[in-house]
Amino acid sequence: MSTPITRLRSLRRGRAIHLLDIENLTGSPLPTTHDVRRVMSAYQRRVPVGPLDQFIVAVNHNALVSVGIALRGVQLLARSGPDGADHALDEAARTTRVDLRFERAVIGSGDGYFADLALWLAGCGLHVTVVSQRTCLSWRLYTAVPDTVTFELPVPQAA
């Protein structure tokens, strides 16, 4: 008979957790629904998303509605204050033990704050990828992971 930890580890195979700092990805503390959809379109063109993958997205409380409308079916966290959304993502990843349930972790942010989380996830045996806008990727986070994916948002065309 297998132990609960063994059963959880068998659930890891092929699954990824996507931890998204949507404010960093959009480059705005108050992203609009359009901004979020545009970023997620670019994200999904660059990052493979499997049928068993899960998303945890964190925002400040002022962005909750616009992000929630754009991203249905994700776990949406709201926390305000300095680095509030960052703290919420880090706390959710560690306290829910994503390391036991996923084989890969994708951190959608260029914020150096996530370097420690990336190192912890890698130390737990997950393959960690960072996804960021090219101009927003901190050196600290870049050097913490072996796999980075960058993108650039298309410049909006004038009407």
N, C-alpha and C. Protein backbone atom coordinates (compact mmCIF):
# COMPACT_ATOMS: atom_id res chain seq x y z
N MET A 1 0.84 -1.19 0.00
CA MET A 1 0.00 0.00 0.00
C MET A 1 0.89 1.25 0.00
N SER A 2 0.55 2.22 -0.82
CA SER A 2 1.38 3.42 -0.93
C SER A 2 0.98 4.45 0.14
N THR A 3 1.95 5.25 0.51
CA THR A 3 1.70 6.30 1.49
C THR A 3 1.09 7.51 0.79
N PRO A 4 0.46 8.41 1.54
CA PRO A 4 -0.12 9.61 0.91
C PRO A 4 0.92 10.42 0.13
N ILE A 5 2.15 10.53 0.66
CA ILE A 5 3.19 11.29 -0.04
C ILE A 5 3.53 10.62 -1.37
N THR A 6 3.62 9.30 -1.39
CA THR A 6 3.91 8.57 -2.63
C THR A 6 2.81 8.80 -3.65
N ARG A 7 1.56 8.77 -3.19
CA ARG A 7 0.45 9.00 -4.12
C ARG A 7 0.49 10.41 -4.67
N LEU A 8 0.81 11.40 -3.81
CA LEU A 8 0.91 12.78 -4.30
C LEU A 8 2.02 12.90 -5.32
N ARG A 9 3.15 12.27 -5.08
CA ARG A 9 4.25 12.36 -6.03
C ARG A 9 3.90 11.74 -7.37
N SER A 10 3.05 10.70 -7.35
CA SER A 10 2.65 10.11 -8.63
C SER A 10 1.74 11.04 -9.41
N LEU A 11 1.08 11.97 -8.72
CA LEU A 11 0.25 12.97 -9.39
C LEU A 11 1.09 14.05 -10.07
N ARG A 12 2.35 14.16 -9.71
CA ARG A 12 3.23 15.18 -10.25
C ARG A 12 3.50 15.00 -11.74
N ARG A 13 3.57 13.77 -12.18
CA ARG A 13 4.06 13.44 -13.52
C ARG A 13 3.35 14.25 -14.61
N GLY A 14 4.13 15.05 -15.31
CA GLY A 14 3.62 15.80 -16.45
C GLY A 14 2.86 17.07 -16.12
N ARG A 15 2.72 17.38 -14.85
CA ARG A 15 1.91 18.55 -14.46
C ARG A 15 2.80 19.75 -14.14
N ALA A 16 2.26 20.93 -14.42
CA ALA A 16 2.96 22.18 -14.09
C ALA A 16 2.04 23.09 -13.30
N ILE A 17 2.66 23.85 -12.41
CA ILE A 17 1.96 24.93 -11.71
C ILE A 17 2.50 26.23 -12.29
N HIS A 18 1.59 27.09 -12.68
CA HIS A 18 1.95 28.40 -13.23
C HIS A 18 1.64 29.44 -12.16
N LEU A 19 2.67 30.07 -11.64
CA LEU A 19 2.56 31.08 -10.59
C LEU A 19 2.74 32.44 -11.25
N LEU A 20 1.65 33.19 -11.40
CA LEU A 20 1.70 34.41 -12.21
C LEU A 20 1.55 35.68 -11.37
N ASP A 21 2.54 36.52 -11.48
CA ASP A 21 2.50 37.89 -10.95
C ASP A 21 2.01 38.74 -12.12
N ILE A 22 0.72 38.79 -12.29
CA ILE A 22 0.14 39.39 -13.50
C ILE A 22 0.44 40.88 -13.61
N GLU A 23 0.62 41.55 -12.48
CA GLU A 23 0.97 42.98 -12.53
C GLU A 23 2.36 43.16 -13.15
N ASN A 24 3.29 42.28 -12.80
CA ASN A 24 4.63 42.36 -13.37
C ASN A 24 4.59 42.00 -14.86
N LEU A 25 3.83 40.96 -15.20
CA LEU A 25 3.76 40.54 -16.60
C LEU A 25 3.15 41.62 -17.50
N THR A 26 2.14 42.34 -16.98
CA THR A 26 1.51 43.39 -17.79
C THR A 26 2.26 44.71 -17.69
N GLY A 27 3.10 44.84 -16.65
CA GLY A 27 3.81 46.10 -16.45
C GLY A 27 2.95 47.18 -15.84
N SER A 28 1.87 46.77 -15.15
CA SER A 28 0.95 47.75 -14.58
C SER A 28 0.39 47.26 -13.24
N PRO A 29 0.31 48.14 -12.23
CA PRO A 29 -0.31 47.75 -10.97
C PRO A 29 -1.84 47.65 -11.09
N LEU A 30 -2.39 48.22 -12.14
CA LEU A 30 -3.84 48.16 -12.39
C LEU A 30 -4.11 47.70 -13.82
N PRO A 31 -3.79 46.47 -14.13
CA PRO A 31 -3.98 46.02 -15.52
C PRO A 31 -5.46 45.94 -15.87
N THR A 32 -5.76 46.30 -17.09
CA THR A 32 -7.13 46.16 -17.58
C THR A 32 -7.36 44.72 -18.03
N THR A 33 -8.60 44.37 -18.24
CA THR A 33 -8.93 43.05 -18.75
C THR A 33 -8.24 42.83 -20.09
N HIS A 34 -8.22 43.86 -20.93
CA HIS A 34 -7.54 43.77 -22.23
C HIS A 34 -6.04 43.52 -22.05
N ASP A 35 -5.40 44.24 -21.12
CA ASP A 35 -3.97 44.05 -20.85
C ASP A 35 -3.68 42.60 -20.47
N VAL A 36 -4.51 42.05 -19.59
CA VAL A 36 -4.30 40.68 -19.12
C VAL A 36 -4.48 39.68 -20.26
N ARG A 37 -5.50 39.87 -21.06
CA ARG A 37 -5.72 38.96 -22.19
C ARG A 37 -4.58 39.02 -23.19
N ARG A 38 -4.06 40.21 -23.42
CA ARG A 38 -2.94 40.38 -24.36
C ARG A 38 -1.69 39.68 -23.84
N VAL A 39 -1.40 39.82 -22.55
CA VAL A 39 -0.25 39.17 -21.95
C VAL A 39 -0.42 37.65 -21.97
N MET A 40 -1.61 37.18 -21.65
CA MET A 40 -1.83 35.73 -21.61
C MET A 40 -1.76 35.12 -23.01
N SER A 41 -2.13 35.87 -24.01
CA SER A 41 -1.98 35.39 -25.38
C SER A 41 -0.50 35.21 -25.71
N ALA A 42 0.32 36.19 -25.35
CA ALA A 42 1.77 36.09 -25.57
C ALA A 42 2.36 34.96 -24.73
N TYR A 43 1.90 34.82 -23.50
CA TYR A 43 2.38 33.77 -22.59
C TYR A 43 2.10 32.39 -23.18
N GLN A 44 0.89 32.18 -23.62
CA GLN A 44 0.51 30.86 -24.13
C GLN A 44 1.16 30.52 -25.47
N ARG A 45 1.62 31.53 -26.22
CA ARG A 45 2.38 31.26 -27.44
C ARG A 45 3.79 30.78 -27.11
N ARG A 46 4.31 31.15 -25.94
CA ARG A 46 5.69 30.83 -25.57
C ARG A 46 5.83 29.68 -24.58
N VAL A 47 4.76 29.39 -23.82
CA VAL A 47 4.85 28.41 -22.74
C VAL A 47 3.84 27.29 -22.97
N PRO A 48 4.31 26.05 -23.01
CA PRO A 48 3.36 24.94 -23.15
C PRO A 48 2.49 24.82 -21.89
N VAL A 49 1.20 24.65 -22.10
CA VAL A 49 0.25 24.49 -21.00
C VAL A 49 -0.46 23.16 -21.21
N GLY A 50 -0.28 22.25 -20.25
CA GLY A 50 -0.88 20.93 -20.35
C GLY A 50 -2.30 20.91 -19.79
N PRO A 51 -3.05 19.86 -20.08
CA PRO A 51 -4.44 19.77 -19.63
C PRO A 51 -4.59 19.64 -18.12
N LEU A 52 -3.54 19.21 -17.43
CA LEU A 52 -3.61 19.06 -15.97
C LEU A 52 -2.87 20.17 -15.22
N ASP A 53 -2.39 21.16 -15.96
CA ASP A 53 -1.69 22.28 -15.34
C ASP A 53 -2.67 23.13 -14.54
N GLN A 54 -2.15 23.82 -13.56
CA GLN A 54 -2.97 24.74 -12.77
C GLN A 54 -2.29 26.10 -12.72
N PHE A 55 -3.12 27.12 -12.49
CA PHE A 55 -2.63 28.50 -12.42
C PHE A 55 -3.00 29.11 -11.08
N ILE A 56 -2.03 29.77 -10.48
CA ILE A 56 -2.28 30.63 -9.31
C ILE A 56 -1.83 32.02 -9.73
N VAL A 57 -2.73 32.97 -9.62
CA VAL A 57 -2.47 34.34 -10.06
C VAL A 57 -2.70 35.27 -8.88
N ALA A 58 -1.79 36.19 -8.65
CA ALA A 58 -1.93 37.13 -7.54
C ALA A 58 -1.93 38.57 -8.04
N VAL A 59 -2.76 39.38 -7.39
CA VAL A 59 -2.92 40.80 -7.73
C VAL A 59 -3.18 41.60 -6.46
N ASN A 60 -3.12 42.91 -6.58
CA ASN A 60 -3.60 43.74 -5.47
C ASN A 60 -5.13 43.83 -5.58
N HIS A 61 -5.77 44.19 -4.50
CA HIS A 61 -7.24 44.15 -4.49
C HIS A 61 -7.88 45.07 -5.52
N ASN A 62 -7.20 46.13 -5.94
CA ASN A 62 -7.77 47.05 -6.93
C ASN A 62 -7.84 46.44 -8.33
N ALA A 63 -7.06 45.41 -8.58
CA ALA A 63 -7.05 44.77 -9.91
C ALA A 63 -7.85 43.48 -9.94
N LEU A 64 -8.46 43.12 -8.84
CA LEU A 64 -9.12 41.82 -8.73
C LEU A 64 -10.21 41.60 -9.78
N VAL A 65 -11.06 42.57 -10.00
CA VAL A 65 -12.18 42.40 -10.93
C VAL A 65 -11.69 42.28 -12.37
N SER A 66 -10.85 43.19 -12.81
CA SER A 66 -10.41 43.15 -14.21
C SER A 66 -9.62 41.88 -14.51
N VAL A 67 -8.79 41.44 -13.58
CA VAL A 67 -8.01 40.22 -13.79
C VAL A 67 -8.93 39.00 -13.72
N GLY A 68 -9.86 39.01 -12.78
CA GLY A 68 -10.80 37.89 -12.64
C GLY A 68 -11.66 37.69 -13.87
N ILE A 69 -12.05 38.77 -14.52
CA ILE A 69 -12.85 38.67 -15.75
C ILE A 69 -12.01 38.05 -16.87
N ALA A 70 -10.74 38.43 -16.94
CA ALA A 70 -9.86 37.94 -18.01
C ALA A 70 -9.41 36.50 -17.80
N LEU A 71 -9.28 36.09 -16.56
CA LEU A 71 -8.69 34.77 -16.26
C LEU A 71 -9.66 33.90 -15.48
N ARG A 72 -10.54 33.26 -16.19
CA ARG A 72 -11.49 32.36 -15.53
C ARG A 72 -10.81 31.00 -15.29
N GLY A 73 -11.20 30.37 -14.20
CA GLY A 73 -10.70 29.03 -13.92
C GLY A 73 -9.32 28.97 -13.28
N VAL A 74 -8.83 30.10 -12.78
CA VAL A 74 -7.55 30.11 -12.08
C VAL A 74 -7.80 30.33 -10.60
N GLN A 75 -6.83 30.00 -9.79
CA GLN A 75 -6.91 30.38 -8.38
C GLN A 75 -6.40 31.80 -8.31
N LEU A 76 -7.26 32.71 -7.90
CA LEU A 76 -6.93 34.14 -7.91
C LEU A 76 -6.77 34.62 -6.47
N LEU A 77 -5.59 35.16 -6.18
CA LEU A 77 -5.28 35.67 -4.85
C LEU A 77 -5.17 37.18 -4.90
N ALA A 78 -5.64 37.83 -3.85
CA ALA A 78 -5.53 39.29 -3.77
C ALA A 78 -4.88 39.67 -2.44
N ARG A 79 -3.84 40.48 -2.54
CA ARG A 79 -3.22 41.02 -1.34
C ARG A 79 -2.58 42.34 -1.73
N SER A 80 -2.85 43.36 -0.96
CA SER A 80 -2.33 44.68 -1.26
C SER A 80 -1.14 45.00 -0.36
N GLY A 81 -0.57 46.16 -0.58
CA GLY A 81 0.60 46.59 0.17
C GLY A 81 1.86 46.31 -0.61
N PRO A 82 2.98 46.77 -0.08
CA PRO A 82 4.26 46.55 -0.77
C PRO A 82 4.52 45.06 -0.98
N ASP A 83 4.69 44.66 -2.20
CA ASP A 83 4.93 43.26 -2.58
C ASP A 83 3.83 42.31 -2.09
N GLY A 84 2.63 42.83 -1.89
CA GLY A 84 1.53 42.00 -1.38
C GLY A 84 1.22 40.81 -2.26
N ALA A 85 1.07 41.03 -3.55
CA ALA A 85 0.77 39.94 -4.47
C ALA A 85 1.93 38.95 -4.53
N ASP A 86 3.15 39.46 -4.48
CA ASP A 86 4.33 38.58 -4.49
C ASP A 86 4.32 37.67 -3.26
N HIS A 87 4.06 38.26 -2.09
CA HIS A 87 3.99 37.47 -0.86
C HIS A 87 2.90 36.42 -0.95
N ALA A 88 1.76 36.77 -1.51
CA ALA A 88 0.63 35.84 -1.62
C ALA A 88 1.01 34.64 -2.49
N LEU A 89 1.68 34.88 -3.61
CA LEU A 89 2.10 33.78 -4.49
C LEU A 89 3.11 32.87 -3.79
N ASP A 90 4.09 33.47 -3.17
CA ASP A 90 5.13 32.71 -2.47
C ASP A 90 4.49 31.86 -1.37
N GLU A 91 3.65 32.47 -0.58
CA GLU A 91 2.99 31.76 0.52
C GLU A 91 2.11 30.61 0.01
N ALA A 92 1.36 30.86 -1.05
CA ALA A 92 0.49 29.82 -1.62
C ALA A 92 1.31 28.63 -2.13
N ALA A 93 2.40 28.91 -2.80
CA ALA A 93 3.24 27.83 -3.34
C ALA A 93 3.82 26.97 -2.22
N ARG A 94 4.28 27.62 -1.17
CA ARG A 94 4.94 26.87 -0.09
C ARG A 94 3.93 26.17 0.82
N THR A 95 2.87 26.84 1.20
CA THR A 95 1.94 26.24 2.16
C THR A 95 1.07 25.14 1.56
N THR A 96 0.81 25.22 0.26
CA THR A 96 0.01 24.16 -0.37
C THR A 96 0.89 23.05 -0.93
N ARG A 97 2.21 23.18 -0.72
CA ARG A 97 3.18 22.15 -1.11
C ARG A 97 3.06 21.77 -2.59
N VAL A 98 3.15 22.78 -3.44
CA VAL A 98 3.11 22.51 -4.87
C VAL A 98 4.24 21.59 -5.30
N ASP A 99 5.31 21.53 -4.51
CA ASP A 99 6.43 20.66 -4.83
C ASP A 99 6.05 19.18 -4.83
N LEU A 100 4.98 18.83 -4.11
CA LEU A 100 4.54 17.44 -4.06
C LEU A 100 3.55 17.09 -5.16
N ARG A 101 2.97 18.10 -5.78
CA ARG A 101 1.89 17.85 -6.74
C ARG A 101 2.23 18.18 -8.19
N PHE A 102 3.39 18.78 -8.42
CA PHE A 102 3.73 19.21 -9.77
C PHE A 102 5.17 18.85 -10.10
N GLU A 103 5.41 18.58 -11.36
CA GLU A 103 6.74 18.24 -11.85
C GLU A 103 7.50 19.49 -12.29
N ARG A 104 6.74 20.48 -12.77
CA ARG A 104 7.34 21.72 -13.26
C ARG A 104 6.66 22.91 -12.59
N ALA A 105 7.41 23.99 -12.44
CA ALA A 105 6.85 25.25 -11.97
C ALA A 105 7.25 26.34 -12.96
N VAL A 106 6.27 27.15 -13.32
CA VAL A 106 6.52 28.28 -14.20
C VAL A 106 6.20 29.53 -13.40
N ILE A 107 7.20 30.36 -13.21
CA ILE A 107 7.01 31.62 -12.49
C ILE A 107 6.87 32.71 -13.54
N GLY A 108 5.68 33.28 -13.62
CA GLY A 108 5.41 34.35 -14.57
C GLY A 108 5.66 35.69 -13.92
N SER A 109 6.90 36.12 -13.93
CA SER A 109 7.30 37.40 -13.36
C SER A 109 8.78 37.59 -13.64
N GLY A 110 9.19 38.82 -13.69
CA GLY A 110 10.61 39.11 -13.80
C GLY A 110 11.17 39.69 -12.53
N ASP A 111 10.36 39.72 -11.49
CA ASP A 111 10.70 40.35 -10.21
C ASP A 111 11.71 39.50 -9.45
N GLY A 112 12.80 40.11 -9.02
CA GLY A 112 13.84 39.42 -8.26
C GLY A 112 13.34 38.82 -6.96
N TYR A 113 12.20 39.29 -6.48
CA TYR A 113 11.60 38.75 -5.27
C TYR A 113 11.44 37.23 -5.37
N PHE A 114 11.18 36.72 -6.57
CA PHE A 114 10.88 35.30 -6.75
C PHE A 114 12.11 34.40 -6.87
N ALA A 115 13.30 34.95 -6.75
CA ALA A 115 14.52 34.14 -6.85
C ALA A 115 14.55 33.08 -5.74
N ASP A 116 14.20 33.44 -4.52
CA ASP A 116 14.22 32.47 -3.42
C ASP A 116 13.18 31.37 -3.64
N LEU A 117 12.01 31.73 -4.13
CA LEU A 117 10.99 30.72 -4.41
C LEU A 117 11.47 29.79 -5.52
N ALA A 118 12.08 30.33 -6.54
CA ALA A 118 12.60 29.51 -7.64
C ALA A 118 13.65 28.53 -7.13
N LEU A 119 14.54 28.99 -6.27
CA LEU A 119 15.57 28.12 -5.72
C LEU A 119 14.96 27.04 -4.83
N TRP A 120 13.95 27.39 -4.05
CA TRP A 120 13.27 26.40 -3.20
C TRP A 120 12.59 25.32 -4.06
N LEU A 121 11.87 25.76 -5.08
CA LEU A 121 11.19 24.80 -5.97
C LEU A 121 12.20 23.88 -6.65
N ALA A 122 13.28 24.45 -7.16
CA ALA A 122 14.32 23.63 -7.81
C ALA A 122 14.94 22.66 -6.80
N GLY A 123 15.15 23.12 -5.58
CA GLY A 123 15.70 22.25 -4.55
C GLY A 123 14.78 21.11 -4.18
N CYS A 124 13.49 21.28 -4.43
CA CYS A 124 12.50 20.22 -4.18
C CYS A 124 12.38 19.28 -5.38
N GLY A 125 13.15 19.54 -6.43
CA GLY A 125 13.16 18.64 -7.57
C GLY A 125 12.29 19.05 -8.74
N LEU A 126 11.71 20.24 -8.71
CA LEU A 126 10.90 20.70 -9.83
C LEU A 126 11.79 21.36 -10.89
N HIS A 127 11.39 21.23 -12.15
CA HIS A 127 12.02 22.01 -13.21
C HIS A 127 11.35 23.38 -13.17
N VAL A 128 12.13 24.43 -13.01
CA VAL A 128 11.59 25.78 -12.86
C VAL A 128 11.92 26.60 -14.09
N THR A 129 10.89 27.23 -14.62
CA THR A 129 11.03 28.14 -15.75
C THR A 129 10.51 29.51 -15.33
N VAL A 130 11.20 30.55 -15.73
CA VAL A 130 10.72 31.92 -15.50
C VAL A 130 10.29 32.49 -16.83
N VAL A 131 9.11 33.12 -16.83
CA VAL A 131 8.58 33.78 -18.01
C VAL A 131 8.41 35.25 -17.68
N SER A 132 8.96 36.11 -18.52
CA SER A 132 8.93 37.54 -18.23
C SER A 132 9.01 38.34 -19.52
N GLN A 133 8.53 39.57 -19.44
CA GLN A 133 8.81 40.49 -20.54
C GLN A 133 10.33 40.71 -20.54
N ARG A 134 10.90 40.77 -21.69
CA ARG A 134 12.36 40.88 -21.83
C ARG A 134 12.93 42.03 -21.00
N THR A 135 12.27 43.16 -20.99
CA THR A 135 12.79 44.34 -20.29
C THR A 135 12.51 44.33 -18.79
N CYS A 136 11.78 43.36 -18.29
CA CYS A 136 11.39 43.33 -16.88
C CYS A 136 12.05 42.22 -16.07
N LEU A 137 12.98 41.48 -16.65
CA LEU A 137 13.59 40.34 -15.98
C LEU A 137 14.79 40.78 -15.15
N SER A 138 14.69 40.60 -13.83
CA SER A 138 15.78 40.99 -12.94
C SER A 138 16.95 40.00 -13.06
N TRP A 139 18.13 40.51 -12.86
CA TRP A 139 19.33 39.68 -12.92
C TRP A 139 19.28 38.60 -11.84
N ARG A 140 18.79 38.93 -10.65
CA ARG A 140 18.73 37.98 -9.54
C ARG A 140 17.86 36.78 -9.89
N LEU A 141 16.71 37.02 -10.49
CA LEU A 141 15.83 35.92 -10.88
C LEU A 141 16.41 35.16 -12.06
N TYR A 142 16.97 35.88 -13.01
CA TYR A 142 17.58 35.25 -14.20
C TYR A 142 18.67 34.24 -13.80
N THR A 143 19.48 34.62 -12.83
CA THR A 143 20.59 33.74 -12.43
C THR A 143 20.14 32.61 -11.50
N ALA A 144 18.92 32.67 -10.99
CA ALA A 144 18.42 31.65 -10.06
C ALA A 144 17.88 30.41 -10.77
N VAL A 145 17.58 30.53 -12.06
CA VAL A 145 16.96 29.41 -12.77
C VAL A 145 17.72 29.11 -14.06
N PRO A 146 17.68 27.84 -14.48
CA PRO A 146 18.38 27.49 -15.72
C PRO A 146 17.55 27.75 -16.98
N ASP A 147 16.26 28.05 -16.80
CA ASP A 147 15.36 28.13 -17.96
C ASP A 147 14.53 29.41 -17.89
N THR A 148 14.77 30.31 -18.84
CA THR A 148 13.97 31.54 -18.90
C THR A 148 13.36 31.67 -20.29
N VAL A 149 12.16 32.23 -20.30
CA VAL A 149 11.46 32.51 -21.55
C VAL A 149 11.06 33.97 -21.48
N THR A 150 11.44 34.73 -22.49
CA THR A 150 11.04 36.14 -22.51
C THR A 150 10.15 36.40 -23.71
N PHE A 151 9.37 37.45 -23.58
CA PHE A 151 8.49 37.86 -24.66
C PHE A 151 8.41 39.36 -24.68
N GLU A 152 7.96 39.87 -25.80
CA GLU A 152 7.70 41.29 -25.94
C GLU A 152 6.27 41.44 -26.41
N LEU A 153 5.56 42.37 -25.80
CA LEU A 153 4.19 42.62 -26.24
C LEU A 153 4.22 43.45 -27.51
N PRO A 154 3.32 43.14 -28.43
CA PRO A 154 3.27 43.97 -29.65
C PRO A 154 2.87 45.39 -29.29
N VAL A 155 3.45 46.34 -29.99
CA VAL A 155 3.12 47.75 -29.78
C VAL A 155 1.71 47.99 -30.35
N PRO A 156 0.80 48.58 -29.55
CA PRO A 156 -0.53 48.84 -30.06
C PRO A 156 -0.50 49.76 -31.27
N GLN A 157 -1.29 49.44 -32.27
CA GLN A 157 -1.36 50.26 -33.48
C GLN A 157 -2.37 51.37 -33.30
N ALA A 158 -2.04 52.54 -33.80
CA ALA A 158 -2.96 53.68 -33.73
C ALA A 158 -4.12 53.43 -34.71
N ALA A 159 -5.28 53.86 -34.31
CA ALA A 159 -6.46 53.66 -35.16
C ALA A 159 -6.50 54.57 -36.33
